[in-house]
Amino acid sequence: MAAVSSNSWLYRAGKQPFDRSVSDVKQLAEAVWYRGYCPTSEDLEDLWRTVDRQQFQRMLCVLELLSQYPVCQRKTARHLQMLTGQFHERLFGHVEKPTQGRYSPSKRWGLSEKTGALRKALLPLQTRTYADATGRDHGLSA
């Protein structure tokens, strides 16, 4: 259970369907984009043992989604994409991730839920004005 407390943002973001976890995903986005939170492979292993498969897939989907925003620091984005890629392969076998254009992260993670509400809620958090107002480094920093 220690993994749940040390990764509570991530745990809460995946616990419920996306339409009911908007505020939790926003808190996770703040932590990842502006406070340096970046789960490790061990963190995800611990969470995988704690939650059911669908909840775990939601967590990974959200991490992948957060890594795609320009406000996410490049190093963090690469790390999250590497982690989510490793777990995607473990869950689904080797499937090529789309490299160009838009794709549905929820479909990629085998979820029937849509991410539209999450994307809409994250828009204000990822503007340059908001990012600069945090006083922290971010992906849009010069």
N, C-alpha and C. Protein backbone atom coordinates (compact mmCIF):
# COMPACT_ATOMS: atom_id res chain seq x y z
N MET A 1 0.80 -1.21 0.00
CA MET A 1 0.00 0.00 0.00
C MET A 1 0.84 1.27 0.00
N ALA A 2 2.10 1.18 0.31
CA ALA A 2 2.97 2.36 0.31
C ALA A 2 3.00 3.02 -1.05
N ALA A 3 2.90 2.23 -2.12
CA ALA A 3 2.93 2.80 -3.46
C ALA A 3 1.75 3.73 -3.69
N VAL A 4 0.62 3.40 -3.12
CA VAL A 4 -0.55 4.24 -3.31
C VAL A 4 -0.33 5.61 -2.68
N SER A 5 0.26 5.69 -1.50
CA SER A 5 0.45 6.99 -0.87
C SER A 5 1.54 7.79 -1.58
N SER A 6 2.64 7.14 -2.00
CA SER A 6 3.71 7.89 -2.65
C SER A 6 3.35 8.25 -4.09
N ASN A 7 2.40 7.59 -4.67
CA ASN A 7 1.96 7.88 -6.04
C ASN A 7 0.46 8.20 -6.06
N SER A 8 0.00 8.91 -5.05
CA SER A 8 -1.44 9.11 -4.91
C SER A 8 -2.05 9.89 -6.07
N TRP A 9 -1.30 10.82 -6.66
CA TRP A 9 -1.85 11.56 -7.81
C TRP A 9 -2.17 10.59 -8.94
N LEU A 10 -1.23 9.73 -9.23
CA LEU A 10 -1.40 8.77 -10.32
C LEU A 10 -2.49 7.76 -9.99
N TYR A 11 -2.48 7.27 -8.77
CA TYR A 11 -3.50 6.31 -8.33
C TYR A 11 -4.90 6.90 -8.49
N ARG A 12 -5.10 8.11 -8.01
CA ARG A 12 -6.43 8.74 -8.09
C ARG A 12 -6.82 9.03 -9.54
N ALA A 13 -5.85 9.37 -10.39
CA ALA A 13 -6.15 9.67 -11.79
C ALA A 13 -6.66 8.44 -12.54
N GLY A 14 -6.27 7.25 -12.12
CA GLY A 14 -6.69 6.04 -12.80
C GLY A 14 -7.79 5.28 -12.11
N LYS A 15 -8.15 5.69 -10.93
CA LYS A 15 -9.11 4.93 -10.13
C LYS A 15 -10.52 4.89 -10.74
N GLN A 16 -10.94 6.01 -11.33
CA GLN A 16 -12.30 6.11 -11.86
C GLN A 16 -12.25 6.42 -13.36
N PRO A 17 -13.38 6.23 -14.04
CA PRO A 17 -13.43 6.62 -15.47
C PRO A 17 -13.03 8.09 -15.65
N PHE A 18 -12.52 8.40 -16.83
CA PHE A 18 -11.99 9.74 -17.10
C PHE A 18 -12.98 10.86 -16.80
N ASP A 19 -14.24 10.66 -17.11
CA ASP A 19 -15.21 11.74 -16.89
C ASP A 19 -15.42 12.03 -15.41
N ARG A 20 -15.01 11.12 -14.54
CA ARG A 20 -15.14 11.36 -13.09
C ARG A 20 -13.81 11.65 -12.41
N SER A 21 -12.73 11.64 -13.17
CA SER A 21 -11.41 11.86 -12.56
C SER A 21 -10.73 13.13 -13.06
N VAL A 22 -11.50 14.04 -13.63
CA VAL A 22 -10.93 15.25 -14.22
C VAL A 22 -10.09 16.04 -13.21
N SER A 23 -10.61 16.28 -12.01
CA SER A 23 -9.84 17.06 -11.04
C SER A 23 -8.58 16.32 -10.59
N ASP A 24 -8.66 15.00 -10.49
CA ASP A 24 -7.48 14.22 -10.11
C ASP A 24 -6.42 14.25 -11.22
N VAL A 25 -6.85 14.20 -12.46
CA VAL A 25 -5.91 14.27 -13.58
C VAL A 25 -5.27 15.66 -13.64
N LYS A 26 -6.04 16.69 -13.35
CA LYS A 26 -5.47 18.05 -13.32
C LYS A 26 -4.39 18.15 -12.24
N GLN A 27 -4.63 17.55 -11.08
CA GLN A 27 -3.62 17.57 -10.01
C GLN A 27 -2.37 16.79 -10.43
N LEU A 28 -2.58 15.67 -11.12
CA LEU A 28 -1.45 14.90 -11.62
C LEU A 28 -0.66 15.71 -12.65
N ALA A 29 -1.37 16.40 -13.53
CA ALA A 29 -0.71 17.23 -14.55
C ALA A 29 0.14 18.31 -13.88
N GLU A 30 -0.40 18.97 -12.88
CA GLU A 30 0.36 19.99 -12.13
C GLU A 30 1.63 19.38 -11.55
N ALA A 31 1.49 18.19 -10.97
CA ALA A 31 2.64 17.52 -10.35
C ALA A 31 3.70 17.15 -11.38
N VAL A 32 3.27 16.61 -12.52
CA VAL A 32 4.22 16.19 -13.56
C VAL A 32 4.84 17.40 -14.25
N TRP A 33 4.02 18.34 -14.64
CA TRP A 33 4.50 19.47 -15.44
C TRP A 33 5.26 20.50 -14.63
N TYR A 34 4.89 20.70 -13.36
CA TYR A 34 5.45 21.83 -12.62
C TYR A 34 6.14 21.49 -11.31
N ARG A 35 5.95 20.28 -10.80
CA ARG A 35 6.56 19.95 -9.50
C ARG A 35 7.58 18.83 -9.58
N GLY A 36 7.88 18.35 -10.78
CA GLY A 36 8.92 17.35 -10.94
C GLY A 36 8.52 15.92 -10.64
N TYR A 37 7.23 15.66 -10.49
CA TYR A 37 6.80 14.28 -10.25
C TYR A 37 6.98 13.46 -11.52
N CYS A 38 7.65 12.34 -11.40
CA CYS A 38 7.85 11.45 -12.54
C CYS A 38 7.98 10.03 -11.98
N PRO A 39 6.94 9.22 -12.16
CA PRO A 39 6.99 7.88 -11.58
C PRO A 39 8.10 7.04 -12.21
N THR A 40 8.60 6.12 -11.44
CA THR A 40 9.64 5.20 -11.91
C THR A 40 8.98 3.89 -12.34
N SER A 41 9.76 3.04 -12.94
CA SER A 41 9.29 1.71 -13.31
C SER A 41 8.85 0.94 -12.07
N GLU A 42 9.60 1.10 -10.98
CA GLU A 42 9.25 0.42 -9.72
C GLU A 42 7.92 0.94 -9.18
N ASP A 43 7.71 2.26 -9.28
CA ASP A 43 6.43 2.83 -8.83
C ASP A 43 5.27 2.18 -9.60
N LEU A 44 5.44 2.07 -10.91
CA LEU A 44 4.37 1.50 -11.72
C LEU A 44 4.18 0.01 -11.43
N GLU A 45 5.27 -0.68 -11.20
CA GLU A 45 5.16 -2.10 -10.81
C GLU A 45 4.34 -2.24 -9.53
N ASP A 46 4.63 -1.39 -8.55
CA ASP A 46 3.88 -1.43 -7.28
C ASP A 46 2.40 -1.14 -7.50
N LEU A 47 2.12 -0.12 -8.33
CA LEU A 47 0.73 0.22 -8.60
C LEU A 47 0.02 -0.91 -9.35
N TRP A 48 0.72 -1.54 -10.27
CA TRP A 48 0.14 -2.64 -11.04
C TRP A 48 -0.34 -3.75 -10.12
N ARG A 49 0.39 -4.00 -9.06
CA ARG A 49 0.00 -5.05 -8.10
C ARG A 49 -1.15 -4.59 -7.19
N THR A 50 -1.40 -3.30 -7.15
CA THR A 50 -2.38 -2.73 -6.22
C THR A 50 -3.76 -2.53 -6.84
N VAL A 51 -3.80 -2.25 -8.14
CA VAL A 51 -5.06 -1.89 -8.80
C VAL A 51 -5.45 -2.94 -9.84
N ASP A 52 -6.68 -2.84 -10.33
CA ASP A 52 -7.07 -3.77 -11.38
C ASP A 52 -6.53 -3.31 -12.74
N ARG A 53 -6.63 -4.17 -13.72
CA ARG A 53 -6.02 -3.91 -15.03
C ARG A 53 -6.56 -2.62 -15.66
N GLN A 54 -7.87 -2.41 -15.63
CA GLN A 54 -8.45 -1.23 -16.26
C GLN A 54 -7.95 0.05 -15.58
N GLN A 55 -7.86 0.06 -14.27
CA GLN A 55 -7.34 1.23 -13.56
C GLN A 55 -5.89 1.48 -13.96
N PHE A 56 -5.11 0.43 -14.08
CA PHE A 56 -3.71 0.56 -14.46
C PHE A 56 -3.60 1.11 -15.89
N GLN A 57 -4.44 0.60 -16.78
CA GLN A 57 -4.44 1.10 -18.16
C GLN A 57 -4.82 2.58 -18.19
N ARG A 58 -5.75 3.01 -17.36
CA ARG A 58 -6.10 4.43 -17.29
C ARG A 58 -4.90 5.26 -16.85
N MET A 59 -4.19 4.78 -15.82
CA MET A 59 -3.01 5.51 -15.34
C MET A 59 -1.99 5.69 -16.46
N LEU A 60 -1.72 4.62 -17.18
CA LEU A 60 -0.74 4.68 -18.26
C LEU A 60 -1.22 5.58 -19.39
N CYS A 61 -2.50 5.52 -19.69
CA CYS A 61 -3.07 6.38 -20.72
C CYS A 61 -2.90 7.85 -20.34
N VAL A 62 -3.17 8.18 -19.10
CA VAL A 62 -3.03 9.57 -18.64
C VAL A 62 -1.57 10.00 -18.69
N LEU A 63 -0.66 9.15 -18.27
CA LEU A 63 0.77 9.51 -18.34
C LEU A 63 1.20 9.75 -19.78
N GLU A 64 0.76 8.89 -20.68
CA GLU A 64 1.10 9.09 -22.09
C GLU A 64 0.52 10.41 -22.60
N LEU A 65 -0.72 10.67 -22.24
CA LEU A 65 -1.36 11.92 -22.65
C LEU A 65 -0.59 13.13 -22.13
N LEU A 66 -0.22 13.12 -20.86
CA LEU A 66 0.51 14.25 -20.27
C LEU A 66 1.87 14.45 -20.94
N SER A 67 2.48 13.38 -21.38
CA SER A 67 3.80 13.48 -22.01
C SER A 67 3.73 14.15 -23.37
N GLN A 68 2.56 14.23 -23.96
CA GLN A 68 2.41 14.77 -25.31
C GLN A 68 2.26 16.29 -25.35
N TYR A 69 2.05 16.92 -24.22
CA TYR A 69 1.88 18.37 -24.19
C TYR A 69 3.24 19.06 -24.19
N PRO A 70 3.38 20.14 -24.93
CA PRO A 70 4.66 20.86 -24.98
C PRO A 70 5.11 21.39 -23.61
N VAL A 71 4.19 21.60 -22.70
CA VAL A 71 4.55 22.13 -21.38
C VAL A 71 5.29 21.08 -20.54
N CYS A 72 5.18 19.82 -20.92
CA CYS A 72 5.91 18.75 -20.22
C CYS A 72 7.38 18.86 -20.62
N GLN A 73 8.25 18.90 -19.62
CA GLN A 73 9.68 19.00 -19.92
C GLN A 73 10.12 17.81 -20.78
N ARG A 74 10.99 18.08 -21.73
CA ARG A 74 11.42 17.07 -22.70
C ARG A 74 11.94 15.79 -22.03
N LYS A 75 12.76 15.96 -21.01
CA LYS A 75 13.31 14.79 -20.31
C LYS A 75 12.20 13.96 -19.66
N THR A 76 11.25 14.64 -19.03
CA THR A 76 10.13 13.96 -18.40
C THR A 76 9.26 13.27 -19.45
N ALA A 77 8.98 13.97 -20.54
CA ALA A 77 8.15 13.40 -21.61
C ALA A 77 8.79 12.13 -22.17
N ARG A 78 10.09 12.17 -22.42
CA ARG A 78 10.78 10.98 -22.94
C ARG A 78 10.70 9.82 -21.95
N HIS A 79 10.91 10.13 -20.68
CA HIS A 79 10.85 9.10 -19.64
C HIS A 79 9.45 8.48 -19.57
N LEU A 80 8.43 9.32 -19.56
CA LEU A 80 7.06 8.80 -19.49
C LEU A 80 6.72 7.98 -20.72
N GLN A 81 7.17 8.42 -21.88
CA GLN A 81 6.89 7.66 -23.11
C GLN A 81 7.61 6.32 -23.11
N MET A 82 8.83 6.30 -22.59
CA MET A 82 9.56 5.05 -22.48
C MET A 82 8.84 4.09 -21.52
N LEU A 83 8.47 4.62 -20.36
CA LEU A 83 7.77 3.78 -19.36
C LEU A 83 6.45 3.25 -19.90
N THR A 84 5.64 4.13 -20.45
CA THR A 84 4.34 3.69 -20.94
C THR A 84 4.51 2.70 -22.09
N GLY A 85 5.53 2.91 -22.92
CA GLY A 85 5.80 1.96 -24.01
C GLY A 85 6.15 0.58 -23.49
N GLN A 86 6.97 0.52 -22.45
CA GLN A 86 7.35 -0.77 -21.85
C GLN A 86 6.14 -1.50 -21.30
N PHE A 87 5.29 -0.77 -20.59
CA PHE A 87 4.12 -1.41 -20.00
C PHE A 87 3.08 -1.75 -21.06
N HIS A 88 2.99 -0.95 -22.11
CA HIS A 88 2.06 -1.27 -23.19
C HIS A 88 2.46 -2.59 -23.83
N GLU A 89 3.75 -2.77 -24.04
CA GLU A 89 4.22 -4.02 -24.63
C GLU A 89 3.94 -5.21 -23.71
N ARG A 90 4.10 -5.02 -22.43
CA ARG A 90 3.81 -6.10 -21.47
C ARG A 90 2.33 -6.45 -21.44
N LEU A 91 1.48 -5.44 -21.58
CA LEU A 91 0.04 -5.67 -21.51
C LEU A 91 -0.54 -6.19 -22.83
N PHE A 92 -0.03 -5.68 -23.96
CA PHE A 92 -0.65 -5.96 -25.26
C PHE A 92 0.27 -6.63 -26.27
N GLY A 93 1.52 -6.85 -25.90
CA GLY A 93 2.48 -7.37 -26.88
C GLY A 93 3.02 -6.21 -27.70
N HIS A 94 3.86 -6.51 -28.66
CA HIS A 94 4.49 -5.45 -29.46
C HIS A 94 3.49 -4.91 -30.48
N VAL A 95 3.13 -3.65 -30.32
CA VAL A 95 2.26 -2.94 -31.25
C VAL A 95 2.92 -1.60 -31.50
N GLU A 96 3.09 -1.24 -32.75
CA GLU A 96 3.71 0.04 -33.07
C GLU A 96 2.83 1.20 -32.62
N LYS A 97 3.43 2.16 -31.96
CA LYS A 97 2.74 3.38 -31.57
C LYS A 97 2.68 4.30 -32.78
N PRO A 98 1.54 4.90 -33.06
CA PRO A 98 1.48 5.84 -34.17
C PRO A 98 2.51 6.95 -33.96
N THR A 99 3.27 7.26 -35.00
CA THR A 99 4.32 8.27 -34.86
C THR A 99 3.92 9.61 -35.46
N GLN A 100 2.89 9.63 -36.28
CA GLN A 100 2.47 10.89 -36.88
C GLN A 100 0.97 11.06 -36.71
N GLY A 101 0.57 12.32 -36.67
CA GLY A 101 -0.85 12.62 -36.60
C GLY A 101 -1.45 12.34 -35.24
N ARG A 102 -2.75 12.55 -35.17
CA ARG A 102 -3.46 12.35 -33.92
C ARG A 102 -3.92 10.90 -33.81
N TYR A 103 -3.91 10.39 -32.63
CA TYR A 103 -4.45 9.07 -32.38
C TYR A 103 -5.12 9.12 -31.02
N SER A 104 -5.94 8.15 -30.75
CA SER A 104 -6.69 8.12 -29.50
C SER A 104 -5.91 7.33 -28.45
N PRO A 105 -5.39 8.02 -27.43
CA PRO A 105 -4.68 7.29 -26.38
C PRO A 105 -5.58 6.27 -25.69
N SER A 106 -6.85 6.60 -25.51
CA SER A 106 -7.72 5.65 -24.81
C SER A 106 -7.90 4.37 -25.64
N LYS A 107 -8.04 4.48 -26.94
CA LYS A 107 -8.14 3.28 -27.78
C LYS A 107 -6.83 2.50 -27.74
N ARG A 108 -5.72 3.22 -27.78
CA ARG A 108 -4.42 2.55 -27.75
C ARG A 108 -4.28 1.72 -26.46
N TRP A 109 -4.88 2.21 -25.37
CA TRP A 109 -4.79 1.50 -24.09
C TRP A 109 -5.97 0.56 -23.85
N GLY A 110 -6.78 0.32 -24.88
CA GLY A 110 -7.88 -0.64 -24.75
C GLY A 110 -9.02 -0.16 -23.89
N LEU A 111 -9.20 1.15 -23.83
CA LEU A 111 -10.26 1.73 -23.00
C LEU A 111 -11.38 2.27 -23.89
N SER A 112 -12.61 2.12 -23.46
CA SER A 112 -13.73 2.65 -24.24
C SER A 112 -14.03 4.10 -23.86
N GLU A 113 -13.36 4.61 -22.85
CA GLU A 113 -13.58 5.98 -22.38
C GLU A 113 -12.89 6.98 -23.30
N LYS A 114 -13.47 8.15 -23.43
CA LYS A 114 -12.91 9.22 -24.25
C LYS A 114 -12.09 10.16 -23.36
N THR A 115 -11.07 10.77 -23.94
CA THR A 115 -10.21 11.69 -23.18
C THR A 115 -10.56 13.15 -23.42
N GLY A 116 -11.63 13.43 -24.15
CA GLY A 116 -12.00 14.81 -24.48
C GLY A 116 -12.17 15.70 -23.27
N ALA A 117 -12.84 15.22 -22.24
CA ALA A 117 -13.05 16.03 -21.03
C ALA A 117 -11.72 16.34 -20.35
N LEU A 118 -10.80 15.38 -20.37
CA LEU A 118 -9.48 15.61 -19.78
C LEU A 118 -8.71 16.66 -20.56
N ARG A 119 -8.72 16.52 -21.87
CA ARG A 119 -8.00 17.48 -22.72
C ARG A 119 -8.53 18.89 -22.52
N LYS A 120 -9.84 19.01 -22.46
CA LYS A 120 -10.46 20.32 -22.27
C LYS A 120 -10.07 20.91 -20.91
N ALA A 121 -10.08 20.08 -19.87
CA ALA A 121 -9.73 20.55 -18.53
C ALA A 121 -8.26 20.92 -18.42
N LEU A 122 -7.39 20.29 -19.22
CA LEU A 122 -5.95 20.56 -19.15
C LEU A 122 -5.54 21.79 -19.94
N LEU A 123 -6.37 22.26 -20.83
CA LEU A 123 -6.00 23.41 -21.67
C LEU A 123 -5.51 24.61 -20.86
N PRO A 124 -6.24 25.07 -19.85
CA PRO A 124 -5.77 26.25 -19.12
C PRO A 124 -4.44 26.03 -18.38
N LEU A 125 -4.15 24.78 -18.02
CA LEU A 125 -2.92 24.48 -17.26
C LEU A 125 -1.68 24.44 -18.14
N GLN A 126 -1.86 24.38 -19.44
CA GLN A 126 -0.69 24.21 -20.29
C GLN A 126 -0.43 25.42 -21.19
N THR A 127 -1.00 26.55 -20.85
CA THR A 127 -0.67 27.76 -21.60
C THR A 127 0.64 28.34 -21.07
N ARG A 128 1.31 29.10 -21.90
CA ARG A 128 2.57 29.71 -21.47
C ARG A 128 2.33 30.66 -20.29
N THR A 129 1.25 31.41 -20.31
CA THR A 129 0.95 32.35 -19.23
C THR A 129 0.81 31.61 -17.91
N TYR A 130 0.03 30.54 -17.91
CA TYR A 130 -0.15 29.76 -16.68
C TYR A 130 1.17 29.14 -16.25
N ALA A 131 1.86 28.52 -17.21
CA ALA A 131 3.12 27.84 -16.91
C ALA A 131 4.14 28.81 -16.31
N ASP A 132 4.27 29.99 -16.90
CA ASP A 132 5.22 30.97 -16.38
C ASP A 132 4.82 31.47 -15.00
N ALA A 133 3.51 31.56 -14.75
CA ALA A 133 3.02 32.05 -13.46
C ALA A 133 3.33 31.08 -12.31
N THR A 134 3.62 29.82 -12.64
CA THR A 134 3.95 28.86 -11.58
C THR A 134 5.32 29.13 -10.97
N GLY A 135 6.17 29.85 -11.73
CA GLY A 135 7.52 30.14 -11.24
C GLY A 135 8.44 28.93 -11.32
N ARG A 136 8.03 27.89 -12.01
CA ARG A 136 8.81 26.65 -12.14
C ARG A 136 9.26 26.47 -13.57
N ASP A 137 10.29 25.66 -13.76
CA ASP A 137 10.69 25.29 -15.11
C ASP A 137 9.61 24.39 -15.71
N HIS A 138 9.48 24.48 -17.02
CA HIS A 138 8.49 23.67 -17.72
C HIS A 138 8.96 23.51 -19.16
N GLY A 139 8.23 22.76 -19.94
CA GLY A 139 8.60 22.48 -21.31
C GLY A 139 8.58 23.68 -22.23
N LEU A 140 7.91 24.75 -21.84
CA LEU A 140 7.87 25.95 -22.65
C LEU A 140 8.91 26.98 -22.23
N SER A 141 9.69 26.64 -21.19
CA SER A 141 10.73 27.56 -20.72
C SER A 141 11.77 27.75 -21.82
N ALA A 142 12.28 28.95 -21.90
CA ALA A 142 13.27 29.26 -22.93
C ALA A 142 14.60 28.62 -22.61
